[in-house]
């Protein structure tokens, strides 16, 4: 498939799994590959597609900072989830008396019973 010089959005989906809908969203945001129009059809030149993929794989400037910040956020989230899982496991085994018998805070929500807060 890579021997062709022009790809359609459907070709891109078959090659890399990037849907035409996602390509449209990326073009609207100004981050998609360069388009080539032949009549009313949209094509992506092979060189433009490969350059765009390289740019996605190796972000620079503001995009690199966003990628780093997102990776750090996901790492912190995973670390917190692992700690919570470990505490819950210890509490269910009876190893951690404080975690098992910690008071549960409740939040009143409108009328009715208060909701347990974890």
PDB file of N, CA and C in Angstrom:
ATOM      1  N   UNK A   1       0.831  -1.196   0.000  1.00  0.00           N
ATOM      2  CA  UNK A   1       0.000   0.000   0.000  1.00  0.00           C
ATOM      3  C   UNK A   1       0.870   1.251   0.000  1.00  0.00           C
ATOM      4  N   UNK A   2       2.060   1.202   0.591  1.00  0.00           N
ATOM      5  CA  UNK A   2       2.900   2.390   0.679  1.00  0.00           C
ATOM      6  C   UNK A   2       3.556   2.765  -0.646  1.00  0.00           C
ATOM      7  N   UNK A   3       3.402   1.954  -1.699  1.00  0.00           N
ATOM      8  CA  UNK A   3       4.010   2.318  -2.970  1.00  0.00           C
ATOM      9  C   UNK A   3       3.197   3.352  -3.737  1.00  0.00           C
ATOM     10  N   UNK A   4       1.966   3.618  -3.309  1.00  0.00           N
ATOM     11  CA  UNK A   4       1.146   4.637  -3.972  1.00  0.00           C
ATOM     12  C   UNK A   4       1.659   6.026  -3.610  1.00  0.00           C
ATOM     13  N   UNK A   5       1.415   6.991  -4.501  1.00  0.00           N
ATOM     14  CA  UNK A   5       1.839   8.370  -4.242  1.00  0.00           C
ATOM     15  C   UNK A   5       0.746   9.204  -3.594  1.00  0.00           C
ATOM     16  N   UNK A   6      -0.526   8.844  -3.801  1.00  0.00           N
ATOM     17  CA  UNK A   6      -1.644   9.574  -3.211  1.00  0.00           C
ATOM     18  C   UNK A   6      -2.520   8.608  -2.421  1.00  0.00           C
ATOM     19  N   UNK A   7      -2.874   9.023  -1.213  1.00  0.00           N
ATOM     20  CA  UNK A   7      -3.746   8.221  -0.364  1.00  0.00           C
ATOM     21  C   UNK A   7      -5.061   8.951  -0.161  1.00  0.00           C
ATOM     22  N   UNK A   8      -6.132   8.176  -0.032  1.00  0.00           N
ATOM     23  CA  UNK A   8      -7.412   8.738   0.383  1.00  0.00           C
ATOM     24  C   UNK A   8      -7.506   8.578   1.901  1.00  0.00           C
ATOM     25  N   UNK A   9      -8.422   9.278   2.552  1.00  0.00           N
ATOM     26  CA  UNK A   9      -8.597   9.057   3.991  1.00  0.00           C
ATOM     27  C   UNK A   9      -8.910   7.596   4.331  1.00  0.00           C
ATOM     28  N   UNK A  10      -9.614   6.895   3.429  1.00  0.00           N
ATOM     29  CA  UNK A  10      -9.896   5.473   3.665  1.00  0.00           C
ATOM     30  C   UNK A  10      -8.613   4.652   3.621  1.00  0.00           C
ATOM     31  N   UNK A  11      -7.677   5.019   2.739  1.00  0.00           N
ATOM     32  CA  UNK A  11      -6.386   4.324   2.694  1.00  0.00           C
ATOM     33  C   UNK A  11      -5.627   4.512   4.000  1.00  0.00           C
ATOM     34  N   UNK A  12      -5.665   5.728   4.528  1.00  0.00           N
ATOM     35  CA  UNK A  12      -4.978   6.032   5.784  1.00  0.00           C
ATOM     36  C   UNK A  12      -5.563   5.168   6.909  1.00  0.00           C
ATOM     37  N   UNK A  13      -6.884   4.988   6.885  1.00  0.00           N
ATOM     38  CA  UNK A  13      -7.519   4.165   7.908  1.00  0.00           C
ATOM     39  C   UNK A  13      -7.046   2.718   7.797  1.00  0.00           C
ATOM     40  N   UNK A  14      -6.922   2.205   6.581  1.00  0.00           N
ATOM     41  CA  UNK A  14      -6.451   0.823   6.408  1.00  0.00           C
ATOM     42  C   UNK A  14      -4.989   0.678   6.802  1.00  0.00           C
ATOM     43  N   UNK A  15      -4.169   1.694   6.540  1.00  0.00           N
ATOM     44  CA  UNK A  15      -2.734   1.605   6.822  1.00  0.00           C
ATOM     45  C   UNK A  15      -2.465   1.724   8.316  1.00  0.00           C
ATOM     46  N   UNK A  16      -2.965   2.802   8.945  1.00  0.00           N
ATOM     47  CA  UNK A  16      -2.604   3.100  10.328  1.00  0.00           C
ATOM     48  C   UNK A  16      -3.775   3.113  11.296  1.00  0.00           C
ATOM     49  N   UNK A  17      -4.991   2.895  10.827  1.00  0.00           N
ATOM     50  CA  UNK A  17      -6.131   2.878  11.727  1.00  0.00           C
ATOM     51  C   UNK A  17      -6.620   4.259  12.135  1.00  0.00           C
ATOM     52  N   UNK A  18      -6.188   5.310  11.435  1.00  0.00           N
ATOM     53  CA  UNK A  18      -6.640   6.674  11.727  1.00  0.00           C
ATOM     54  C   UNK A  18      -7.889   6.927  10.887  1.00  0.00           C
ATOM     55  N   UNK A  19      -9.030   7.084  11.541  1.00  0.00           N
ATOM     56  CA  UNK A  19     -10.303   7.178  10.826  1.00  0.00           C
ATOM     57  C   UNK A  19     -10.428   8.506  10.080  1.00  0.00           C
ATOM     58  N   UNK A  20     -11.223   8.518   9.003  1.00  0.00           N
ATOM     59  CA  UNK A  20     -11.480   9.773   8.293  1.00  0.00           C
ATOM     60  C   UNK A  20     -12.094  10.835   9.204  1.00  0.00           C
ATOM     61  N   UNK A  21     -12.919  10.411  10.164  1.00  0.00           N
ATOM     62  CA  UNK A  21     -13.515  11.349  11.108  1.00  0.00           C
ATOM     63  C   UNK A  21     -12.428  12.036  11.935  1.00  0.00           C
ATOM     64  N   UNK A  22     -11.462  11.253  12.426  1.00  0.00           N
ATOM     65  CA  UNK A  22     -10.363  11.826  13.192  1.00  0.00           C
ATOM     66  C   UNK A  22      -9.517  12.754  12.319  1.00  0.00           C
ATOM     67  N   UNK A  23      -9.300  12.363  11.072  1.00  0.00           N
ATOM     68  CA  UNK A  23      -8.556  13.245  10.152  1.00  0.00           C
ATOM     69  C   UNK A  23      -9.288  14.575   9.975  1.00  0.00           C
ATOM     70  N   UNK A  24     -10.617  14.514   9.820  1.00  0.00           N
ATOM     71  CA  UNK A  24     -11.394  15.750   9.694  1.00  0.00           C
ATOM     72  C   UNK A  24     -11.240  16.631  10.922  1.00  0.00           C
ATOM     73  N   UNK A  25     -11.280  16.019  12.115  1.00  0.00           N
ATOM     74  CA  UNK A  25     -11.104  16.791  13.341  1.00  0.00           C
ATOM     75  C   UNK A  25      -9.706  17.408  13.396  1.00  0.00           C
ATOM     76  N   UNK A  26      -8.700  16.651  12.962  1.00  0.00           N
ATOM     77  CA  UNK A  26      -7.333  17.168  12.983  1.00  0.00           C
ATOM     78  C   UNK A  26      -7.156  18.291  11.965  1.00  0.00           C
ATOM     79  N   UNK A  27      -7.766  18.154  10.800  1.00  0.00           N
ATOM     80  CA  UNK A  27      -7.690  19.230   9.805  1.00  0.00           C
ATOM     81  C   UNK A  27      -8.383  20.488  10.332  1.00  0.00           C
ATOM     82  N   UNK A  28      -9.508  20.318  11.022  1.00  0.00           N
ATOM     83  CA  UNK A  28     -10.214  21.467  11.587  1.00  0.00           C
ATOM     84  C   UNK A  28      -9.365  22.169  12.637  1.00  0.00           C
ATOM     85  N   UNK A  29      -8.581  21.392  13.384  1.00  0.00           N
ATOM     86  CA  UNK A  29      -7.706  21.964  14.415  1.00  0.00           C
ATOM     87  C   UNK A  29      -6.385  22.465  13.830  1.00  0.00           C
ATOM     88  N   UNK A  30      -6.137  22.150  12.558  1.00  0.00           N
ATOM     89  CA  UNK A  30      -4.908  22.599  11.909  1.00  0.00           C
ATOM     90  C   UNK A  30      -3.716  21.693  12.166  1.00  0.00           C
ATOM     91  N   UNK A  31      -3.961  20.452  12.603  1.00  0.00           N
ATOM     92  CA  UNK A  31      -2.850  19.553  12.924  1.00  0.00           C
ATOM     93  C   UNK A  31      -2.779  18.340  12.006  1.00  0.00           C
ATOM     94  N   UNK A  32      -3.645  18.246  11.024  1.00  0.00           N
ATOM     95  CA  UNK A  32      -3.661  17.082  10.140  1.00  0.00           C
ATOM     96  C   UNK A  32      -2.625  17.197   9.032  1.00  0.00           C
ATOM     97  N   UNK A  33      -2.477  16.135   8.230  1.00  0.00           N
ATOM     98  CA  UNK A  33      -1.539  16.181   7.110  1.00  0.00           C
ATOM     99  C   UNK A  33      -2.047  17.117   6.016  1.00  0.00           C
ATOM    100  N   UNK A  34      -1.140  17.573   5.173  1.00  0.00           N
ATOM    101  CA  UNK A  34      -1.521  18.482   4.095  1.00  0.00           C
ATOM    102  C   UNK A  34      -2.409  17.754   3.091  1.00  0.00           C
ATOM    103  N   UNK A  35      -3.496  18.413   2.710  1.00  0.00           N
ATOM    104  CA  UNK A  35      -4.452  17.815   1.776  1.00  0.00           C
ATOM    105  C   UNK A  35      -4.116  18.224   0.352  1.00  0.00           C
ATOM    106  N   UNK A  36      -4.430  17.331  -0.588  1.00  0.00           N
ATOM    107  CA  UNK A  36      -4.324  17.617  -2.019  1.00  0.00           C
ATOM    108  C   UNK A  36      -5.690  17.353  -2.619  1.00  0.00           C
ATOM    109  N   UNK A  37      -6.225  18.341  -3.316  1.00  0.00           N
ATOM    110  CA  UNK A  37      -7.531  18.184  -3.942  1.00  0.00           C
ATOM    111  C   UNK A  37      -7.346  17.821  -5.404  1.00  0.00           C
ATOM    112  N   UNK A  38      -8.058  16.786  -5.842  1.00  0.00           N
ATOM    113  CA  UNK A  38      -8.143  16.425  -7.259  1.00  0.00           C
ATOM    114  C   UNK A  38      -9.628  16.429  -7.569  1.00  0.00           C
ATOM    115  N   UNK A  39     -10.069  17.499  -8.234  1.00  0.00           N
ATOM    116  CA  UNK A  39     -11.503  17.692  -8.417  1.00  0.00           C
ATOM    117  C   UNK A  39     -12.118  17.993  -7.062  1.00  0.00           C
ATOM    118  N   UNK A  40     -13.082  17.180  -6.673  1.00  0.00           N
ATOM    119  CA  UNK A  40     -13.717  17.367  -5.369  1.00  0.00           C
ATOM    120  C   UNK A  40     -13.229  16.346  -4.344  1.00  0.00           C
ATOM    121  N   UNK A  41     -12.352  15.440  -4.752  1.00  0.00           N
ATOM    122  CA  UNK A  41     -11.849  14.415  -3.841  1.00  0.00           C
ATOM    123  C   UNK A  41     -10.626  14.907  -3.085  1.00  0.00           C
ATOM    124  N   UNK A  42     -10.486  14.414  -1.866  1.00  0.00           N
ATOM    125  CA  UNK A  42      -9.343  14.765  -1.022  1.00  0.00           C
ATOM    126  C   UNK A  42      -8.348  13.612  -1.040  1.00  0.00           C
ATOM    127  N   UNK A  43      -7.087  13.960  -1.281  1.00  0.00           N
ATOM    128  CA  UNK A  43      -6.003  12.990  -1.227  1.00  0.00           C
ATOM    129  C   UNK A  43      -4.910  13.522  -0.330  1.00  0.00           C
ATOM    130  N   UNK A  44      -4.061  12.621   0.139  1.00  0.00           N
ATOM    131  CA  UNK A  44      -2.897  13.000   0.934  1.00  0.00           C
ATOM    132  C   UNK A  44      -1.691  12.431   0.211  1.00  0.00           C
ATOM    133  N   UNK A  45      -0.749  13.304  -0.148  1.00  0.00           N
ATOM    134  CA  UNK A  45       0.454  12.848  -0.832  1.00  0.00           C
ATOM    135  C   UNK A  45       1.289  11.999   0.115  1.00  0.00           C
ATOM    136  N   UNK A  46       1.961  11.005  -0.424  1.00  0.00           N
ATOM    137  CA  UNK A  46       2.751  10.072   0.368  1.00  0.00           C
ATOM    138  C   UNK A  46       3.803  10.805   1.200  1.00  0.00           C
ATOM    139  N   UNK A  47       4.532  11.734   0.580  1.00  0.00           N
ATOM    140  CA  UNK A  47       5.576  12.473   1.302  1.00  0.00           C
ATOM    141  C   UNK A  47       4.984  13.313   2.435  1.00  0.00           C
ATOM    142  N   UNK A  48       3.840  13.952   2.169  1.00  0.00           N
ATOM    143  CA  UNK A  48       3.182  14.748   3.211  1.00  0.00           C
ATOM    144  C   UNK A  48       2.720  13.863   4.365  1.00  0.00           C
ATOM    145  N   UNK A  49       2.210  12.690   4.026  1.00  0.00           N
ATOM    146  CA  UNK A  49       1.738  11.761   5.051  1.00  0.00           C
ATOM    147  C   UNK A  49       2.890  11.282   5.926  1.00  0.00           C
ATOM    148  N   UNK A  50       4.003  10.905   5.303  1.00  0.00           N
ATOM    149  CA  UNK A  50       5.152  10.425   6.068  1.00  0.00           C
ATOM    150  C   UNK A  50       5.757  11.536   6.934  1.00  0.00           C
ATOM    151  N   UNK A  51       5.808  12.773   6.406  1.00  0.00           N
ATOM    152  CA  UNK A  51       6.313  13.903   7.192  1.00  0.00           C
ATOM    153  C   UNK A  51       5.394  14.177   8.384  1.00  0.00           C
ATOM    154  N   UNK A  52       4.093  14.082   8.171  1.00  0.00           N
ATOM    155  CA  UNK A  52       3.125  14.304   9.242  1.00  0.00           C
ATOM    156  C   UNK A  52       3.262  13.233  10.325  1.00  0.00           C
ATOM    157  N   UNK A  53       3.435  11.960   9.914  1.00  0.00           N
ATOM    158  CA  UNK A  53       3.625  10.891  10.895  1.00  0.00           C
ATOM    159  C   UNK A  53       4.885  11.119  11.721  1.00  0.00           C
ATOM    160  N   UNK A  54       5.953  11.555  11.071  1.00  0.00           N
ATOM    161  CA  UNK A  54       7.200  11.834  11.792  1.00  0.00           C
ATOM    162  C   UNK A  54       6.994  12.959  12.806  1.00  0.00           C
ATOM    163  N   UNK A  55       6.239  13.962  12.399  1.00  0.00           N
ATOM    164  CA  UNK A  55       5.953  15.090  13.298  1.00  0.00           C
ATOM    165  C   UNK A  55       5.121  14.627  14.506  1.00  0.00           C
ATOM    166  N   UNK A  56       4.188  13.695  14.288  1.00  0.00           N
ATOM    167  CA  UNK A  56       3.381  13.165  15.389  1.00  0.00           C
ATOM    168  C   UNK A  56       4.226  12.323  16.344  1.00  0.00           C
ATOM    169  N   UNK A  57       5.145  11.563  15.785  1.00  0.00           N
ATOM    170  CA  UNK A  57       5.960  10.676  16.619  1.00  0.00           C
ATOM    171  C   UNK A  57       7.019  11.427  17.406  1.00  0.00           C
ATOM    172  N   UNK A  58       7.482  12.563  16.898  1.00  0.00           N
ATOM    173  CA  UNK A  58       8.524  13.338  17.561  1.00  0.00           C
ATOM    174  C   UNK A  58       8.064  14.786  17.734  1.00  0.00           C
ATOM    175  N   UNK A  59       7.187  15.053  18.698  1.00  0.00           N
ATOM    176  CA  UNK A  59       6.680  16.413  18.868  1.00  0.00           C
ATOM    177  C   UNK A  59       7.777  17.365  19.360  1.00  0.00           C
ATOM    178  N   UNK A  60       7.643  18.631  19.007  1.00  0.00           N
ATOM    179  CA  UNK A  60       8.585  19.653  19.441  1.00  0.00           C
ATOM    180  C   UNK A  60       7.809  20.845  19.986  1.00  0.00           C
ATOM    181  N   UNK A  61       8.503  21.682  20.715  1.00  0.00           N
ATOM    182  CA  UNK A  61       7.921  22.932  21.214  1.00  0.00           C
ATOM    183  C   UNK A  61       6.751  22.714  22.146  1.00  0.00           C
ATOM    184  N   UNK A  62       5.649  23.406  21.859  1.00  0.00           N
ATOM    185  CA  UNK A  62       4.469  23.380  22.710  1.00  0.00           C
ATOM    186  C   UNK A  62       3.851  21.978  22.771  1.00  0.00           C
ATOM    187  N   UNK A  63       3.847  21.273  21.636  1.00  0.00           N
ATOM    188  CA  UNK A  63       3.274  19.922  21.602  1.00  0.00           C
ATOM    189  C   UNK A  63       4.065  18.980  22.506  1.00  0.00           C
ATOM    190  N   UNK A  64       5.386  19.129  22.540  1.00  0.00           N
ATOM    191  CA  UNK A  64       6.213  18.273  23.398  1.00  0.00           C
ATOM    192  C   UNK A  64       5.899  18.528  24.870  1.00  0.00           C
ATOM    193  N   UNK A  65       5.686  19.798  25.235  1.00  0.00           N
ATOM    194  CA  UNK A  65       5.338  20.119  26.620  1.00  0.00           C
ATOM    195  C   UNK A  65       3.994  19.509  27.006  1.00  0.00           C
ATOM    196  N   UNK A  66       3.043  19.550  26.082  1.00  0.00           N
ATOM    197  CA  UNK A  66       1.723  18.965  26.351  1.00  0.00           C
ATOM    198  C   UNK A  66       1.846  17.462  26.541  1.00  0.00           C
ATOM    199  N   UNK A  67       2.652  16.807  25.695  1.00  0.00           N
ATOM    200  CA  UNK A  67       2.849  15.359  25.809  1.00  0.00           C
ATOM    201  C   UNK A  67       3.495  15.017  27.151  1.00  0.00           C
ATOM    202  N   UNK A  68       4.506  15.784  27.557  1.00  0.00           N
ATOM    203  CA  UNK A  68       5.174  15.539  28.838  1.00  0.00           C
ATOM    204  C   UNK A  68       4.224  15.733  30.011  1.00  0.00           C
ATOM    205  N   UNK A  69       3.435  16.808  29.964  1.00  0.00           N
ATOM    206  CA  UNK A  69       2.497  17.094  31.051  1.00  0.00           C
ATOM    207  C   UNK A  69       1.433  15.995  31.141  1.00  0.00           C
ATOM    208  N   UNK A  70       0.944  15.537  29.992  1.00  0.00           N
ATOM    209  CA  UNK A  70      -0.061  14.477  29.978  1.00  0.00           C
ATOM    210  C   UNK A  70       0.519  13.176  30.522  1.00  0.00           C
ATOM    211  N   UNK A  71       1.758  12.852  30.136  1.00  0.00           N
ATOM    212  CA  UNK A  71       2.405  11.634  30.639  1.00  0.00           C
ATOM    213  C   UNK A  71       2.591  11.708  32.149  1.00  0.00           C
ATOM    214  N   UNK A  72       2.983  12.865  32.660  1.00  0.00           N
ATOM    215  CA  UNK A  72       3.164  13.026  34.101  1.00  0.00           C
ATOM    216  C   UNK A  72       1.825  12.894  34.839  1.00  0.00           C
ATOM    217  N   UNK A  73       0.773  13.467  34.262  1.00  0.00           N
ATOM    218  CA  UNK A  73      -0.550  13.386  34.883  1.00  0.00           C
ATOM    219  C   UNK A  73      -1.025  11.933  34.927  1.00  0.00           C
ATOM    220  N   UNK A  74      -0.861  11.203  33.816  1.00  0.00           N
ATOM    221  CA  UNK A  74      -1.283   9.812  33.774  1.00  0.00           C
ATOM    222  C   UNK A  74      -0.469   8.954  34.742  1.00  0.00           C
ATOM    223  N   UNK A  75       0.823   9.265  34.883  1.00  0.00           N
ATOM    224  CA  UNK A  75       1.667   8.530  35.818  1.00  0.00           C
ATOM    225  C   UNK A  75       1.192   8.754  37.257  1.00  0.00           C
ATOM    226  N   UNK A  76       0.901  10.011  37.599  1.00  0.00           N
ATOM    227  CA  UNK A  76       0.421  10.323  38.948  1.00  0.00           C
ATOM    228  C   UNK A  76      -0.917   9.652  39.217  1.00  0.00           C
ATOM    229  N   UNK A  77      -1.790   9.643  38.212  1.00  0.00           N
ATOM    230  CA  UNK A  77      -3.094   9.010  38.366  1.00  0.00           C
ATOM    231  C   UNK A  77      -2.941   7.503  38.586  1.00  0.00           C
ATOM    232  N   UNK A  78      -2.064   6.864  37.818  1.00  0.00           N
ATOM    233  CA  UNK A  78      -1.836   5.423  37.962  1.00  0.00           C
ATOM    234  C   UNK A  78      -1.215   5.104  39.320  1.00  0.00           C
ATOM    235  N   UNK A  79      -0.293   5.964  39.764  1.00  0.00           N
ATOM    236  CA  UNK A  79       0.352   5.750  41.058  1.00  0.00           C
ATOM    237  C   UNK A  79      -0.675   5.847  42.188  1.00  0.00           C
ATOM    238  N   UNK A  80      -1.557   6.835  42.114  1.00  0.00           N
ATOM    239  CA  UNK A  80      -2.604   7.004  43.127  1.00  0.00           C
ATOM    240  C   UNK A  80      -3.538   5.796  43.128  1.00  0.00           C
ATOM    241  N   UNK A  81      -3.916   5.314  41.939  1.00  0.00           N
ATOM    242  CA  UNK A  81      -4.815   4.162  41.858  1.00  0.00           C
ATOM    243  C   UNK A  81      -4.154   2.920  42.447  1.00  0.00           C
ATOM    244  N   UNK A  82      -2.855   2.753  42.194  1.00  0.00           N
ATOM    245  CA  UNK A  82      -2.146   1.598  42.737  1.00  0.00           C
ATOM    246  C   UNK A  82      -2.093   1.659  44.259  1.00  0.00           C
ATOM    247  N   UNK A  83      -1.858   2.855  44.810  1.00  0.00           N
ATOM    248  CA  UNK A  83      -1.824   2.998  46.269  1.00  0.00           C
ATOM    249  C   UNK A  83      -3.193   2.718  46.875  1.00  0.00           C
ATOM    250  N   UNK A  84      -4.248   3.215  46.235  1.00  0.00           N
ATOM    251  CA  UNK A  84      -5.600   2.983  46.746  1.00  0.00           C
ATOM    252  C   UNK A  84      -5.942   1.493  46.685  1.00  0.00           C
ATOM    253  N   UNK A  85      -5.530   0.837  45.614  1.00  0.00           N
ATOM    254  CA  UNK A  85      -5.780  -0.593  45.478  1.00  0.00           C
ATOM    255  C   UNK A  85      -5.043  -1.370  46.559  1.00  0.00           C
ATOM    256  N   UNK A  86      -3.820  -0.965  46.826  1.00  0.00           N
ATOM    257  CA  UNK A  86      -3.028  -1.638  47.854  1.00  0.00           C
ATOM    258  C   UNK A  86      -3.666  -1.466  49.231  1.00  0.00           C
ATOM    259  N   UNK A  87      -4.131  -0.242  49.533  1.00  0.00           N
ATOM    260  CA  UNK A  87      -4.796   0.000  50.818  1.00  0.00           C
ATOM    261  C   UNK A  87      -6.064  -0.828  50.932  1.00  0.00           C
ATOM    262  N   UNK A  88      -6.839  -0.899  49.853  1.00  0.00           N
ATOM    263  CA  UNK A  88      -8.088  -1.659  49.880  1.00  0.00           C
ATOM    264  C   UNK A  88      -7.809  -3.145  50.067  1.00  0.00           C
ATOM    265  N   UNK A  89      -6.774  -3.640  49.414  1.00  0.00           N
ATOM    266  CA  UNK A  89      -6.428  -5.059  49.541  1.00  0.00           C
ATOM    267  C   UNK A  89      -6.003  -5.385  50.972  1.00  0.00           C
ATOM    268  N   UNK A  90      -5.175  -4.501  51.555  1.00  0.00           N
ATOM    269  CA  UNK A  90      -4.741  -4.730  52.937  1.00  0.00           C
ATOM    270  C   UNK A  90      -5.925  -4.679  53.883  1.00  0.00           C
ATOM    271  N   UNK A  91      -6.848  -3.743  53.650  1.00  0.00           N
ATOM    272  CA  UNK A  91      -8.012  -3.608  54.522  1.00  0.00           C
ATOM    273  C   UNK A  91      -8.906  -4.834  54.414  1.00  0.00           C
ATOM    274  N   UNK A  92      -9.053  -5.390  53.231  1.00  0.00           N
ATOM    275  CA  UNK A  92      -9.921  -6.559  53.067  1.00  0.00           C
ATOM    276  C   UNK A  92      -9.296  -7.811  53.660  1.00  0.00           C
ATOM    277  N   UNK A  93      -7.952  -7.844  53.739  1.00  0.00           N
ATOM    278  CA  UNK A  93      -7.275  -8.991  54.341  1.00  0.00           C
ATOM    279  C   UNK A  93      -7.206  -8.889  55.854  1.00  0.00           C
ATOM    280  N   UNK A  94      -7.551  -7.743  56.396  1.00  0.00           N
ATOM    281  CA  UNK A  94      -7.475  -7.542  57.831  1.00  0.00           C
ATOM    282  C   UNK A  94      -6.096  -7.131  58.293  1.00  0.00           C
ATOM    283  N   UNK A  95      -5.176  -6.838  57.372  1.00  0.00           N
ATOM    284  CA  UNK A  95      -3.814  -6.454  57.737  1.00  0.00           C
ATOM    285  C   UNK A  95      -3.738  -5.014  58.236  1.00  0.00           C
ATOM    286  N   UNK A  96      -4.628  -4.161  57.777  1.00  0.00           N
ATOM    287  CA  UNK A  96      -4.545  -2.746  58.100  1.00  0.00           C
ATOM    288  C   UNK A  96      -5.802  -2.350  58.880  1.00  0.00           C
ATOM    289  N   UNK A  97      -5.720  -2.364  60.200  1.00  0.00           N
ATOM    290  CA  UNK A  97      -6.874  -2.092  61.044  1.00  0.00           C
ATOM    291  C   UNK A  97      -7.394  -0.671  60.835  1.00  0.00           C
ATOM    292  N   UNK A  98      -6.480   0.314  60.700  1.00  0.00           N
ATOM    293  CA  UNK A  98      -6.906   1.706  60.544  1.00  0.00           C
ATOM    294  C   UNK A  98      -7.690   1.911  59.251  1.00  0.00           C
ATOM    295  N   UNK A  99      -7.211   1.315  58.159  1.00  0.00           N
ATOM    296  CA  UNK A  99      -7.897   1.482  56.880  1.00  0.00           C
ATOM    297  C   UNK A  99      -9.260   0.798  56.898  1.00  0.00           C
ATOM    298  N   UNK A 100      -9.335  -0.346  57.577  1.00  0.00           N
ATOM    299  CA  UNK A 100     -10.597  -1.085  57.608  1.00  0.00           C
ATOM    300  C   UNK A 100     -11.632  -0.388  58.479  1.00  0.00           C
ATOM    301  N   UNK A 101     -11.187   0.290  59.543  1.00  0.00           N
ATOM    302  CA  UNK A 101     -12.112   0.899  60.485  1.00  0.00           C
ATOM    303  C   UNK A 101     -12.117   2.422  60.426  1.00  0.00           C
ATOM    304  N   UNK A 102     -11.647   2.984  59.343  1.00  0.00           N
ATOM    305  CA  UNK A 102     -11.626   4.441  59.200  1.00  0.00           C
ATOM    306  C   UNK A 102     -13.057   4.949  59.087  1.00  0.00           C
ATOM    307  N   UNK A 103     -13.336   6.102  59.693  1.00  0.00           N
ATOM    308  CA  UNK A 103     -14.691   6.644  59.578  1.00  0.00           C
ATOM    309  C   UNK A 103     -14.983   7.050  58.138  1.00  0.00           C
ATOM    310  N   UNK A 104     -16.208   6.816  57.712  1.00  0.00           N
ATOM    311  CA  UNK A 104     -16.617   7.139  56.348  1.00  0.00           C
ATOM    312  C   UNK A 104     -17.360   8.468  56.379  1.00  0.00           C
ATOM    313  N   UNK A 105     -16.869   9.428  55.612  1.00  0.00           N
ATOM    314  CA  UNK A 105     -17.520  10.735  55.552  1.00  0.00           C
ATOM    315  C   UNK A 105     -18.767  10.636  54.692  1.00  0.00           C
ATOM    316  N   UNK A 106     -19.796  11.352  55.071  1.00  0.00           N
ATOM    317  CA  UNK A 106     -21.020  11.357  54.278  1.00  0.00           C
ATOM    318  C   UNK A 106     -21.280  12.763  53.783  1.00  0.00           C
ATOM    319  N   UNK A 107     -21.913  12.841  52.640  1.00  0.00           N
ATOM    320  CA  UNK A 107     -22.258  14.125  52.034  1.00  0.00           C
ATOM    321  C   UNK A 107     -23.757  14.144  51.836  1.00  0.00           C
ATOM    322  N   UNK A 108     -24.410  15.174  52.352  1.00  0.00           N
ATOM    323  CA  UNK A 108     -25.855  15.290  52.196  1.00  0.00           C
ATOM    324  C   UNK A 108     -26.139  15.827  50.804  1.00  0.00           C
ATOM    325  N   UNK A 109     -26.986  15.165  50.063  1.00  0.00           N
ATOM    326  CA  UNK A 109     -27.318  15.622  48.716  1.00  0.00           C
ATOM    327  C   UNK A 109     -28.829  15.807  48.607  1.00  0.00           C
ATOM    328  N   UNK A 110     -29.232  17.039  48.716  1.00  0.00           N
ATOM    329  CA  UNK A 110     -30.651  17.340  48.593  1.00  0.00           C
ATOM    330  C   UNK A 110     -31.458  16.621  49.657  1.00  0.00           C
ATOM    331  N   UNK A 111     -32.628  16.135  49.279  1.00  0.00           N
ATOM    332  CA  UNK A 111     -33.461  15.354  50.193  1.00  0.00           C
ATOM    333  C   UNK A 111     -33.085  13.887  50.090  1.00  0.00           C
ATOM    334  N   UNK A 112     -33.264  13.156  51.110  1.00  0.00           N
ATOM    335  CA  UNK A 112     -33.003  11.723  51.062  1.00  0.00           C
ATOM    336  C   UNK A 112     -31.782  11.345  51.860  1.00  0.00           C
ATOM    337  N   UNK A 113     -31.293  10.146  51.611  1.00  0.00           N
ATOM    338  CA  UNK A 113     -30.172   9.619  52.370  1.00  0.00           C
ATOM    339  C   UNK A 113     -28.863  10.281  51.967  1.00  0.00           C
ATOM    340  N   UNK A 114     -27.958  10.450  52.912  1.00  0.00           N
ATOM    341  CA  UNK A 114     -26.645  10.978  52.547  1.00  0.00           C
ATOM    342  C   UNK A 114     -25.837   9.907  51.793  1.00  0.00           C
ATOM    343  N   UNK A 115     -24.991  10.360  50.919  1.00  0.00           N
ATOM    344  CA  UNK A 115     -24.178   9.473  50.099  1.00  0.00           C
ATOM    345  C   UNK A 115     -22.851   9.208  50.801  1.00  0.00           C
ATOM    346  N   UNK A 116     -22.354   7.979  50.720  1.00  0.00           N
ATOM    347  CA  UNK A 116     -21.041   7.661  51.286  1.00  0.00           C
ATOM    348  C   UNK A 116     -19.971   8.275  50.419  1.00  0.00           C
ATOM    349  N   UNK A 117     -18.975   8.846  51.043  1.00  0.00           N
ATOM    350  CA  UNK A 117     -17.878   9.451  50.309  1.00  0.00           C
ATOM    351  C   UNK A 117     -16.626   8.629  50.523  1.00  0.00           C
ATOM    352  N   UNK A 118     -16.010   8.236  49.436  1.00  0.00           N
ATOM    353  CA  UNK A 118     -14.820   7.390  49.533  1.00  0.00           C
ATOM    354  C   UNK A 118     -13.576   8.214  49.729  1.00  0.00           C
TER     355      UNK A 118
END
